[in-house]
Amino acid sequence: MVIDMIHGLGDRLHEQRTKLRISQKEAAAAISVSPSIISNYEAGERTPSVENLMALANLYHCTTDYLLGLDKTPVHTLDTSMLNNTQLQFLQQFLSSLQE
């Protein structure tokens, strides 16, 4: 029996993974599941847990809202954890200047 999946979730998961040129095996290793689990998510045969959905969004640099179909365009995230406070302020100023 196929679990009733969130419409389009599998397609969006596949799209984001392939955009980043990440294999199912690599995605599976990154979130500590088997490659068949990633395949089942993308085929719509399984629905990821909240924890796995969050991990995939983080891995694919997009929001869970996009993966769930709540946002129509992918909003990509940027990992800034390696930046210090001065670098973060500079980045914020730069991004603000782009909006003006």
N, C-alpha and C. Protein backbone atom coordinates (compact mmCIF):
# COMPACT_ATOMS: atom_id res chain seq x y z
N MET A 1 0.84 -1.19 0.00
CA MET A 1 0.00 0.00 0.00
C MET A 1 0.88 1.25 0.00
N VAL A 2 0.58 2.20 -0.86
CA VAL A 2 1.33 3.45 -0.92
C VAL A 2 0.74 4.44 0.07
N ILE A 3 1.60 5.05 0.86
CA ILE A 3 1.17 6.04 1.84
C ILE A 3 0.72 7.29 1.09
N ASP A 4 -0.35 7.90 1.54
CA ASP A 4 -0.81 9.15 0.93
C ASP A 4 0.21 10.23 1.23
N MET A 5 0.92 10.64 0.21
CA MET A 5 2.04 11.56 0.37
C MET A 5 1.60 12.99 0.08
N ILE A 6 2.33 13.91 0.59
CA ILE A 6 2.08 15.33 0.32
C ILE A 6 2.32 15.56 -1.17
N HIS A 7 1.34 16.10 -1.84
CA HIS A 7 1.38 16.25 -3.29
C HIS A 7 2.65 16.97 -3.76
N GLY A 8 3.43 16.29 -4.59
CA GLY A 8 4.60 16.90 -5.21
C GLY A 8 5.87 16.87 -4.37
N LEU A 9 5.78 16.38 -3.14
CA LEU A 9 6.96 16.37 -2.27
C LEU A 9 8.09 15.56 -2.89
N GLY A 10 7.80 14.39 -3.39
CA GLY A 10 8.82 13.54 -4.00
C GLY A 10 9.51 14.23 -5.17
N ASP A 11 8.72 14.89 -6.00
CA ASP A 11 9.28 15.61 -7.15
C ASP A 11 10.20 16.74 -6.70
N ARG A 12 9.77 17.49 -5.68
CA ARG A 12 10.59 18.60 -5.20
C ARG A 12 11.87 18.09 -4.54
N LEU A 13 11.79 16.98 -3.81
CA LEU A 13 12.99 16.38 -3.22
C LEU A 13 13.97 15.97 -4.31
N HIS A 14 13.46 15.31 -5.34
CA HIS A 14 14.31 14.87 -6.46
C HIS A 14 14.92 16.07 -7.17
N GLU A 15 14.11 17.08 -7.42
CA GLU A 15 14.57 18.29 -8.12
C GLU A 15 15.71 18.97 -7.37
N GLN A 16 15.55 19.14 -6.07
CA GLN A 16 16.58 19.84 -5.29
C GLN A 16 17.86 19.00 -5.20
N ARG A 17 17.72 17.69 -5.04
CA ARG A 17 18.89 16.82 -4.95
C ARG A 17 19.68 16.84 -6.25
N THR A 18 18.97 16.73 -7.38
CA THR A 18 19.68 16.69 -8.66
C THR A 18 20.26 18.04 -9.04
N LYS A 19 19.62 19.13 -8.62
CA LYS A 19 20.17 20.47 -8.86
C LYS A 19 21.56 20.61 -8.25
N LEU A 20 21.71 20.01 -7.07
CA LEU A 20 22.99 20.09 -6.36
C LEU A 20 23.95 18.97 -6.76
N ARG A 21 23.49 18.11 -7.69
CA ARG A 21 24.31 16.99 -8.16
C ARG A 21 24.73 16.06 -7.01
N ILE A 22 23.77 15.79 -6.14
CA ILE A 22 23.97 14.88 -5.03
C ILE A 22 23.27 13.57 -5.38
N SER A 23 23.96 12.46 -5.23
CA SER A 23 23.35 11.16 -5.50
C SER A 23 22.43 10.78 -4.34
N GLN A 24 21.54 9.82 -4.60
CA GLN A 24 20.69 9.33 -3.52
C GLN A 24 21.54 8.74 -2.41
N LYS A 25 22.61 8.08 -2.78
CA LYS A 25 23.51 7.48 -1.79
C LYS A 25 24.15 8.57 -0.92
N GLU A 26 24.57 9.67 -1.53
CA GLU A 26 25.18 10.78 -0.78
C GLU A 26 24.16 11.45 0.14
N ALA A 27 22.95 11.65 -0.38
CA ALA A 27 21.89 12.26 0.44
C ALA A 27 21.57 11.37 1.63
N ALA A 28 21.48 10.08 1.37
CA ALA A 28 21.18 9.12 2.43
C ALA A 28 22.25 9.14 3.52
N ALA A 29 23.51 9.15 3.11
CA ALA A 29 24.60 9.18 4.08
C ALA A 29 24.57 10.47 4.90
N ALA A 30 24.22 11.57 4.26
CA ALA A 30 24.21 12.87 4.94
C ALA A 30 23.16 12.94 6.04
N ILE A 31 22.05 12.23 5.86
CA ILE A 31 20.99 12.28 6.89
C ILE A 31 20.85 10.95 7.63
N SER A 32 21.80 10.05 7.42
CA SER A 32 21.87 8.77 8.15
C SER A 32 20.66 7.85 7.92
N VAL A 33 20.31 7.69 6.64
CA VAL A 33 19.29 6.71 6.26
C VAL A 33 19.86 5.89 5.10
N SER A 34 19.15 4.86 4.70
CA SER A 34 19.61 4.05 3.56
C SER A 34 19.22 4.73 2.25
N PRO A 35 19.97 4.46 1.18
CA PRO A 35 19.61 5.03 -0.13
C PRO A 35 18.20 4.66 -0.57
N SER A 36 17.72 3.49 -0.17
CA SER A 36 16.36 3.10 -0.56
C SER A 36 15.31 4.00 0.08
N ILE A 37 15.61 4.55 1.25
CA ILE A 37 14.68 5.49 1.90
C ILE A 37 14.56 6.75 1.04
N ILE A 38 15.69 7.29 0.59
CA ILE A 38 15.66 8.48 -0.28
C ILE A 38 14.88 8.17 -1.55
N SER A 39 15.13 7.01 -2.13
CA SER A 39 14.40 6.59 -3.33
C SER A 39 12.91 6.52 -3.06
N ASN A 40 12.53 5.96 -1.92
CA ASN A 40 11.10 5.87 -1.56
C ASN A 40 10.48 7.24 -1.35
N TYR A 41 11.23 8.17 -0.74
CA TYR A 41 10.72 9.54 -0.57
C TYR A 41 10.43 10.15 -1.94
N GLU A 42 11.40 10.03 -2.84
CA GLU A 42 11.27 10.67 -4.16
C GLU A 42 10.19 10.00 -5.00
N ALA A 43 9.96 8.71 -4.81
CA ALA A 43 8.94 7.99 -5.56
C ALA A 43 7.55 8.17 -4.96
N GLY A 44 7.47 8.80 -3.80
CA GLY A 44 6.18 9.01 -3.15
C GLY A 44 5.68 7.79 -2.40
N GLU A 45 6.57 6.85 -2.14
CA GLU A 45 6.19 5.63 -1.42
C GLU A 45 6.30 5.78 0.09
N ARG A 46 7.05 6.77 0.54
CA ARG A 46 7.20 7.06 1.96
C ARG A 46 7.20 8.56 2.15
N THR A 47 6.78 8.99 3.33
CA THR A 47 6.83 10.40 3.70
C THR A 47 7.93 10.56 4.75
N PRO A 48 8.84 11.52 4.54
CA PRO A 48 9.91 11.69 5.53
C PRO A 48 9.35 12.16 6.87
N SER A 49 10.03 11.75 7.94
CA SER A 49 9.69 12.27 9.26
C SER A 49 10.01 13.76 9.27
N VAL A 50 9.52 14.46 10.24
CA VAL A 50 9.81 15.89 10.38
C VAL A 50 11.33 16.09 10.46
N GLU A 51 12.00 15.25 11.23
CA GLU A 51 13.45 15.38 11.40
C GLU A 51 14.18 15.18 10.07
N ASN A 52 13.77 14.16 9.30
CA ASN A 52 14.41 13.92 8.01
C ASN A 52 14.08 15.00 6.99
N LEU A 53 12.85 15.51 7.03
CA LEU A 53 12.48 16.60 6.13
C LEU A 53 13.34 17.84 6.42
N MET A 54 13.53 18.14 7.69
CA MET A 54 14.37 19.29 8.06
C MET A 54 15.81 19.05 7.63
N ALA A 55 16.30 17.84 7.81
CA ALA A 55 17.68 17.52 7.41
C ALA A 55 17.85 17.63 5.90
N LEU A 56 16.85 17.18 5.15
CA LEU A 56 16.93 17.29 3.68
C LEU A 56 16.87 18.74 3.23
N ALA A 57 16.02 19.54 3.84
CA ALA A 57 15.95 20.96 3.49
C ALA A 57 17.29 21.63 3.77
N ASN A 58 17.90 21.29 4.88
CA ASN A 58 19.21 21.84 5.22
C ASN A 58 20.25 21.38 4.19
N LEU A 59 20.25 20.10 3.87
CA LEU A 59 21.20 19.55 2.90
C LEU A 59 21.01 20.19 1.53
N TYR A 60 19.77 20.40 1.12
CA TYR A 60 19.46 20.94 -0.21
C TYR A 60 19.43 22.47 -0.24
N HIS A 61 19.68 23.09 0.90
CA HIS A 61 19.72 24.56 1.00
C HIS A 61 18.41 25.20 0.53
N CYS A 62 17.31 24.64 1.00
CA CYS A 62 16.00 25.23 0.70
C CYS A 62 15.15 25.13 1.96
N THR A 63 13.96 25.67 1.91
CA THR A 63 13.10 25.64 3.09
C THR A 63 12.19 24.41 3.08
N THR A 64 11.76 24.01 4.26
CA THR A 64 10.78 22.93 4.35
C THR A 64 9.46 23.36 3.71
N ASP A 65 9.14 24.65 3.81
CA ASP A 65 7.90 25.14 3.18
C ASP A 65 7.92 24.89 1.67
N TYR A 66 9.07 25.08 1.04
CA TYR A 66 9.16 24.80 -0.40
C TYR A 66 8.96 23.30 -0.65
N LEU A 67 9.67 22.47 0.10
CA LEU A 67 9.55 21.03 -0.10
C LEU A 67 8.13 20.54 0.10
N LEU A 68 7.42 21.16 1.05
CA LEU A 68 6.04 20.77 1.34
C LEU A 68 5.03 21.38 0.37
N GLY A 69 5.48 22.28 -0.49
CA GLY A 69 4.59 22.89 -1.46
C GLY A 69 3.89 24.14 -0.95
N LEU A 70 4.28 24.64 0.21
CA LEU A 70 3.66 25.85 0.75
C LEU A 70 4.21 27.11 0.07
N ASP A 71 5.48 27.07 -0.32
CA ASP A 71 6.09 28.13 -1.14
C ASP A 71 6.24 27.58 -2.54
N LYS A 72 5.90 28.38 -3.53
CA LYS A 72 5.96 27.91 -4.91
C LYS A 72 7.36 28.01 -5.52
N THR A 73 8.17 28.91 -5.00
CA THR A 73 9.54 29.02 -5.50
C THR A 73 10.50 28.66 -4.38
N PRO A 74 11.55 27.94 -4.74
CA PRO A 74 12.50 27.56 -3.69
C PRO A 74 13.22 28.78 -3.12
N VAL A 75 13.18 28.90 -1.82
CA VAL A 75 13.92 29.94 -1.13
C VAL A 75 15.16 29.26 -0.59
N HIS A 76 16.28 29.58 -1.18
CA HIS A 76 17.50 28.91 -0.79
C HIS A 76 18.09 29.55 0.45
N THR A 77 18.64 28.72 1.28
CA THR A 77 19.26 29.19 2.50
C THR A 77 20.77 29.20 2.33
N LEU A 78 21.42 29.92 3.19
CA LEU A 78 22.87 30.04 3.14
C LEU A 78 23.41 29.74 4.52
N ASP A 79 24.35 28.82 4.60
CA ASP A 79 24.97 28.47 5.88
C ASP A 79 26.02 29.52 6.21
N THR A 80 25.77 30.29 7.25
CA THR A 80 26.71 31.34 7.66
C THR A 80 27.40 31.00 8.97
N SER A 81 27.31 29.75 9.37
CA SER A 81 27.86 29.37 10.67
C SER A 81 29.38 29.55 10.75
N MET A 82 30.05 29.58 9.61
CA MET A 82 31.51 29.73 9.63
C MET A 82 31.96 31.19 9.68
N LEU A 83 31.01 32.13 9.63
CA LEU A 83 31.35 33.56 9.63
C LEU A 83 31.38 34.11 11.05
N ASN A 84 32.30 35.03 11.28
CA ASN A 84 32.32 35.71 12.58
C ASN A 84 31.34 36.89 12.54
N ASN A 85 31.17 37.59 13.66
CA ASN A 85 30.19 38.68 13.73
C ASN A 85 30.49 39.80 12.74
N THR A 86 31.74 40.15 12.57
CA THR A 86 32.11 41.21 11.63
C THR A 86 31.75 40.80 10.20
N GLN A 87 32.04 39.55 9.86
CA GLN A 87 31.71 39.07 8.52
C GLN A 87 30.21 39.00 8.30
N LEU A 88 29.46 38.61 9.32
CA LEU A 88 28.00 38.59 9.21
C LEU A 88 27.43 39.98 8.99
N GLN A 89 27.95 40.97 9.72
CA GLN A 89 27.49 42.35 9.54
C GLN A 89 27.80 42.84 8.13
N PHE A 90 28.98 42.53 7.64
CA PHE A 90 29.35 42.92 6.28
C PHE A 90 28.41 42.29 5.27
N LEU A 91 28.11 40.99 5.45
CA LEU A 91 27.21 40.30 4.55
C LEU A 91 25.81 40.91 4.59
N GLN A 92 25.32 41.24 5.80
CA GLN A 92 24.00 41.86 5.93
C GLN A 92 23.96 43.22 5.23
N GLN A 93 25.02 44.02 5.40
CA GLN A 93 25.09 45.32 4.74
C GLN A 93 25.11 45.16 3.23
N PHE A 94 25.88 44.20 2.76
CA PHE A 94 25.95 43.95 1.31
C PHE A 94 24.60 43.54 0.76
N LEU A 95 23.92 42.62 1.42
CA LEU A 95 22.62 42.18 0.95
C LEU A 95 21.60 43.30 1.00
N SER A 96 21.66 44.14 2.03
CA SER A 96 20.76 45.30 2.11
C SER A 96 21.00 46.26 0.96
N SER A 97 22.25 46.44 0.59
CA SER A 97 22.56 47.37 -0.51
C SER A 97 22.01 46.85 -1.84
N LEU A 98 21.89 45.55 -1.98
CA LEU A 98 21.34 44.98 -3.20
C LEU A 98 19.85 45.23 -3.33
N GLN A 99 19.18 45.36 -2.20
CA GLN A 99 17.74 45.57 -2.20
C GLN A 99 17.36 47.02 -2.47
N GLU A 100 18.30 47.95 -2.29
CA GLU A 100 17.98 49.37 -2.44
C GLU A 100 17.95 49.78 -3.89
